[in-house]
Protein backbone atom coordinates (compact mmCIF):
# COMPACT_ATOMS: atom_id res chain seq x y z
CA MET A 1 38.44 29.78 -28.72
CA ILE A 2 42.22 29.97 -29.39
CA LEU A 3 43.51 32.19 -32.17
CA PHE A 4 46.01 31.06 -34.79
CA LEU A 5 49.58 32.07 -33.99
CA ALA A 6 49.40 34.72 -36.67
CA LEU A 7 46.43 36.22 -34.88
CA SER A 8 47.90 36.01 -31.41
CA LEU A 9 46.44 38.28 -28.77
CA ALA A 10 49.98 39.15 -27.84
CA THR A 11 49.76 41.50 -30.80
CA LEU A 12 46.46 42.94 -29.64
CA ALA A 13 47.58 43.59 -26.08
CA HIS A 14 51.31 44.13 -26.70
CA ALA A 15 52.10 41.62 -23.95
CA ALA A 16 55.72 41.51 -22.92
CA PRO A 17 57.36 38.23 -24.01
CA GLY A 18 58.07 35.80 -21.20
CA LYS A 19 55.86 37.64 -18.73
CA THR A 20 52.61 35.74 -19.14
CA GLU A 21 51.27 33.23 -16.62
CA THR A 22 48.84 30.54 -17.76
CA LEU A 23 45.95 30.39 -15.30
CA TRP A 24 44.32 27.41 -17.00
CA LYS A 25 44.09 25.54 -20.27
CA GLU A 26 41.00 23.37 -20.60
CA TRP A 27 38.76 21.56 -23.07
CA TYR A 28 34.97 21.73 -22.90
CA LEU A 29 32.09 19.84 -24.48
CA VAL A 30 28.69 21.41 -25.18
CA THR A 31 25.61 19.19 -25.48
CA GLN A 32 21.99 19.98 -26.23
CA ASN A 33 19.25 17.46 -25.44
CA GLY A 34 22.08 15.03 -24.77
CA GLN A 35 23.59 15.51 -28.23
CA ALA A 36 27.11 16.92 -28.65
CA ILE A 37 26.90 20.16 -30.68
CA SER A 38 30.25 21.85 -30.08
CA LEU A 39 33.55 21.75 -28.27
CA PHE A 40 36.14 24.34 -27.45
CA GLU A 41 39.54 24.82 -25.91
CA GLU A 42 40.03 27.75 -23.56
CA VAL A 43 43.27 29.32 -22.34
CA ALA A 44 43.33 32.00 -19.64
CA GLU A 45 46.46 34.08 -19.08
CA LYS A 46 47.64 36.69 -16.64
CA ARG A 47 49.96 39.36 -18.04
CA PRO A 48 51.57 41.11 -15.07
CA ALA A 49 53.74 43.40 -17.19
CA ASP A 50 50.63 44.89 -18.77
CA HIS A 51 48.23 44.44 -15.82
CA GLN A 52 45.94 42.48 -18.12
CA LEU A 53 44.06 39.19 -18.35
CA ALA A 54 43.47 37.35 -21.63
CA ILE A 55 41.06 34.56 -22.52
CA THR A 56 41.27 32.83 -25.88
CA GLN A 57 38.99 30.11 -27.20
CA LYS A 58 38.73 27.91 -30.27
CA TRP A 59 35.25 26.54 -30.92
CA VAL A 60 34.24 23.76 -33.28
CA GLU A 61 30.50 23.68 -33.92
CA LYS A 62 28.35 21.03 -35.59
CA ILE A 63 24.61 21.40 -35.09
CA GLY A 64 22.33 19.00 -36.95
CA ALA A 65 22.67 19.21 -40.73
CA SER A 66 24.47 22.57 -40.54
CA PRO A 67 28.00 22.68 -41.98
CA ARG A 68 30.80 22.36 -39.47
CA SER A 69 32.23 25.74 -38.50
CA GLU A 70 35.17 27.00 -36.46
CA VAL A 71 35.20 30.17 -34.41
CA TYR A 72 38.21 31.82 -32.81
CA ILE A 73 37.66 34.40 -30.08
CA GLY A 74 40.25 36.19 -28.00
CA SER A 75 39.56 38.88 -25.41
CA VAL A 76 41.84 41.05 -23.28
CA ALA A 77 40.80 42.97 -20.17
CA GLU A 78 42.38 45.13 -17.51
CA GLU A 79 43.25 42.87 -14.60
CA SER A 80 41.98 45.10 -11.81
CA SER A 81 38.60 46.17 -13.21
CA LEU A 82 38.06 43.69 -16.08
CA ALA A 83 37.45 46.73 -18.31
CA PRO A 84 37.65 45.84 -22.03
CA VAL A 85 40.98 46.33 -23.81
CA ALA A 86 40.57 44.48 -27.12
CA PHE A 87 39.06 41.43 -28.74
CA PHE A 88 39.26 39.48 -31.98
CA VAL A 89 36.84 37.07 -33.66
CA GLU A 90 37.29 34.93 -36.74
CA ARG A 91 34.56 32.63 -37.99
CA LYS A 92 35.29 29.99 -40.64
CA GLY A 93 32.69 27.93 -42.45
CA GLY A 94 29.13 28.99 -43.18
CA LYS A 95 29.31 32.79 -43.43
CA PRO A 96 32.95 33.63 -42.67
CA TYR A 97 33.97 36.94 -41.14
CA LYS A 98 36.45 38.67 -38.85
CA THR A 99 35.68 41.17 -36.12
CA ASP A 100 38.23 43.36 -34.37
CA GLY A 101 37.42 45.51 -31.34
CA ARG A 102 39.57 47.98 -29.42
CA ALA A 103 38.68 50.15 -26.45
CA LYS A 104 39.66 53.81 -26.68
CA ASP A 105 38.32 57.04 -25.18
CA LYS A 106 35.45 55.27 -23.38
CA LYS A 107 34.29 53.65 -26.62
CA LEU A 108 34.73 50.26 -28.23
CA GLU A 109 35.71 50.64 -31.87
CA VAL A 110 34.60 47.51 -33.71
CA THR A 111 35.59 46.71 -37.29
CA PHE A 112 33.64 44.04 -39.18
CA LYS A 113 35.32 42.29 -42.11
CA PRO A 114 32.95 40.00 -44.05
CA GLY A 115 34.51 37.02 -45.77
CA THR A 116 32.42 37.44 -48.91
CA ALA A 117 32.98 39.95 -51.70
CA ASP A 118 29.36 41.18 -51.74
CA LEU A 119 29.64 42.76 -48.28
CA ALA A 120 31.83 45.74 -47.42
CA LYS A 121 34.02 46.30 -44.38
CA SER A 122 32.38 48.50 -41.73
CA THR A 123 33.19 50.11 -38.38
CA GLU A 124 30.91 50.84 -35.43
CA PHE A 125 31.43 52.53 -32.07
CA THR A 126 29.89 51.26 -28.84
CA PRO A 127 29.98 53.45 -25.69
CA LEU A 128 31.64 51.76 -22.72
CA GLN A 129 30.17 52.39 -19.27
CA PRO A 130 32.07 51.82 -16.00
CA GLY A 131 31.71 48.23 -14.86
CA MET A 132 31.18 46.75 -18.33
CA PHE A 133 33.28 43.75 -19.32
CA PHE A 134 33.53 41.23 -22.13
CA SER A 135 31.29 38.16 -21.82
CA SER A 136 34.43 36.00 -21.74
CA PHE A 137 35.09 37.43 -18.27
CA VAL A 138 31.64 36.90 -16.71
CA SER A 139 32.87 33.88 -14.75
CA THR A 140 35.93 35.83 -13.56
CA ALA A 141 33.66 38.63 -12.33
CA ILE A 142 31.42 36.15 -10.51
CA ALA A 143 34.42 34.49 -8.85
CA ARG A 144 35.57 37.84 -7.50
CA HIS A 145 32.29 38.05 -5.57
CA PHE A 146 32.72 34.65 -3.90
CA LYS A 147 34.48 36.16 -0.90
CA GLU A 148 31.33 38.19 -0.18
CA GLY A 149 29.42 34.97 0.36
CA LYS A 150 25.79 34.60 -0.62
CA GLY A 151 24.18 37.45 -2.50
CA ALA A 152 23.36 38.85 -5.91
CA PHE A 153 24.97 41.42 -8.15
CA ALA A 154 24.10 42.90 -11.54
CA PHE A 155 26.46 43.17 -14.50
CA THR A 156 26.59 44.35 -18.09
CA ALA A 157 28.54 42.28 -20.62
CA VAL A 158 29.78 43.02 -24.10
CA VAL A 159 29.15 39.85 -26.13
CA GLU A 160 32.07 39.73 -28.54
CA ASP A 161 30.36 37.41 -31.04
CA ALA A 162 26.62 36.85 -31.10
CA GLY A 163 26.95 34.55 -34.11
CA GLU A 164 25.88 36.95 -36.85
CA MET A 165 28.90 39.25 -37.18
CA ASN A 166 27.57 41.50 -34.45
CA VAL A 167 28.52 42.70 -30.98
CA GLU A 168 25.77 43.01 -28.37
CA ILE A 169 25.42 44.56 -24.93
CA LYS A 170 23.50 42.31 -22.53
CA LYS A 171 22.58 42.65 -18.88
CA GLY A 172 22.56 39.95 -16.26
CA THR A 173 22.53 39.13 -12.58
CA ALA A 174 24.39 36.50 -10.61
CA GLU A 175 23.12 35.02 -7.34
CA ILE A 176 25.99 33.40 -5.45
CA ASN A 177 25.08 30.47 -3.24
CA LYS A 178 27.05 28.86 -0.45
CA VAL A 179 27.10 25.57 -2.31
CA GLU A 180 30.31 23.88 -3.34
CA LYS A 181 31.10 20.57 -5.00
CA LYS A 182 33.90 18.70 -6.66
CA ILE A 183 33.75 18.51 -10.45
CA GLY A 184 36.60 16.45 -11.82
CA LYS A 185 39.66 17.70 -9.95
CA GLU A 186 38.19 21.15 -9.32
CA SER A 187 36.45 22.59 -6.29
CA CYS A 188 33.59 24.64 -7.73
CA LYS A 189 31.03 27.06 -6.30
CA GLN A 190 27.50 27.58 -7.55
CA ALA A 191 26.03 30.75 -9.03
CA VAL A 192 22.56 31.12 -10.49
CA VAL A 193 22.86 33.50 -13.42
CA GLN A 194 20.13 35.38 -15.26
CA PHE A 195 21.67 36.45 -18.56
CA ASP A 196 19.78 37.91 -21.49
CA GLY A 197 16.55 36.96 -19.70
CA LYS A 198 17.46 33.29 -19.34
CA MET A 199 18.30 31.36 -16.20
CA GLN A 200 21.61 29.49 -16.08
CA GLU A 201 23.38 27.50 -13.37
CA TRP A 202 27.15 27.99 -13.26
CA TRP A 203 29.79 26.13 -11.26
CA ILE A 204 33.03 28.11 -11.08
CA THR A 205 36.43 27.85 -9.39
CA LYS A 206 37.73 30.66 -7.20
CA LYS A 207 39.96 31.78 -10.10
CA GLY A 208 37.00 32.05 -12.46
CA LYS A 209 37.34 28.85 -14.46
CA VAL A 210 33.98 27.39 -15.50
CA CYS A 211 33.53 23.77 -14.42
CA LEU A 212 29.95 23.30 -15.53
CA MET A 213 27.16 25.45 -16.98
CA GLU A 214 23.57 24.34 -17.45
CA LEU A 215 20.89 26.22 -19.44
CA PRO A 216 17.51 24.61 -18.62
CA ASP A 217 15.52 26.61 -21.21
CA SER A 218 17.39 24.97 -24.09
CA ASN A 219 18.48 21.83 -22.24
CA THR A 220 22.08 22.79 -22.97
CA ARG A 221 25.05 21.72 -20.89
CA LEU A 222 28.66 22.96 -21.06
CA GLU A 223 31.21 21.02 -19.02
CA LEU A 224 34.89 20.33 -18.57
CA SER A 225 36.18 17.52 -20.73
CA SER A 226 39.38 16.12 -22.17
CA GLU A 227 40.43 16.84 -25.74
CA LYS A 228 40.04 13.20 -26.71
CA ALA A 229 36.60 12.77 -25.11
CA ALA A 230 35.24 16.04 -26.50
CA LYS A 231 36.38 15.32 -30.07
CA LYS A 232 35.05 11.76 -29.88
CA ALA A 233 31.64 12.95 -28.64
CA LEU A 234 31.34 15.60 -31.36
CA LYS A 235 32.37 13.15 -34.07
CA GLU A 236 29.85 10.59 -32.90
CA GLY A 237 27.16 13.24 -32.71
CA SER A 238 27.77 14.46 -36.28
């Protein structure tokens, strides 16, 4: 989910101008039971001057009779360890809110800003353990294990936006298989992921870009698309 220019993650991470490298910029379509329910654009950047990685996404969601909503999520991590640096969430439509999180002194300080007058601003602190990373970087973490070949590893992810103005800590495992296939123009490797107690099949490039994700429990599929095709599918599914 890509932030508005006024909410650029360059402000969050203090990235040096002209020093960023775009790793990828892609559109995705999400379907459930064959019906388009959301789309998003994702941009991944490397910031050598700050030794950081950034992933920003802009989601458009339309599920059944629910009002259309837009969600903007941006996350920044340390390049070497993927340790959390900062994140930002803004949800529009439905129950609007903003969430701002910053890592400091082994804690994640998260400020919640409801978009309605009846709810007050609040701040919470979440302890950060070594090896934790934002959920936006799960695929990056998996890709870094590709060189080890087949095998499994456990991880703990900080879910920046669980959909209800909350941040959650969830555990998972990833089993990397020696299976590779071409998806679109990408060469992608398979990983079977157990996340939040649910099995998922991920296909990921060596840089960490997601090519395809399938969630059998909910018959949900997330896959690379073009902007035109994704928007057309979501419009037709509305």
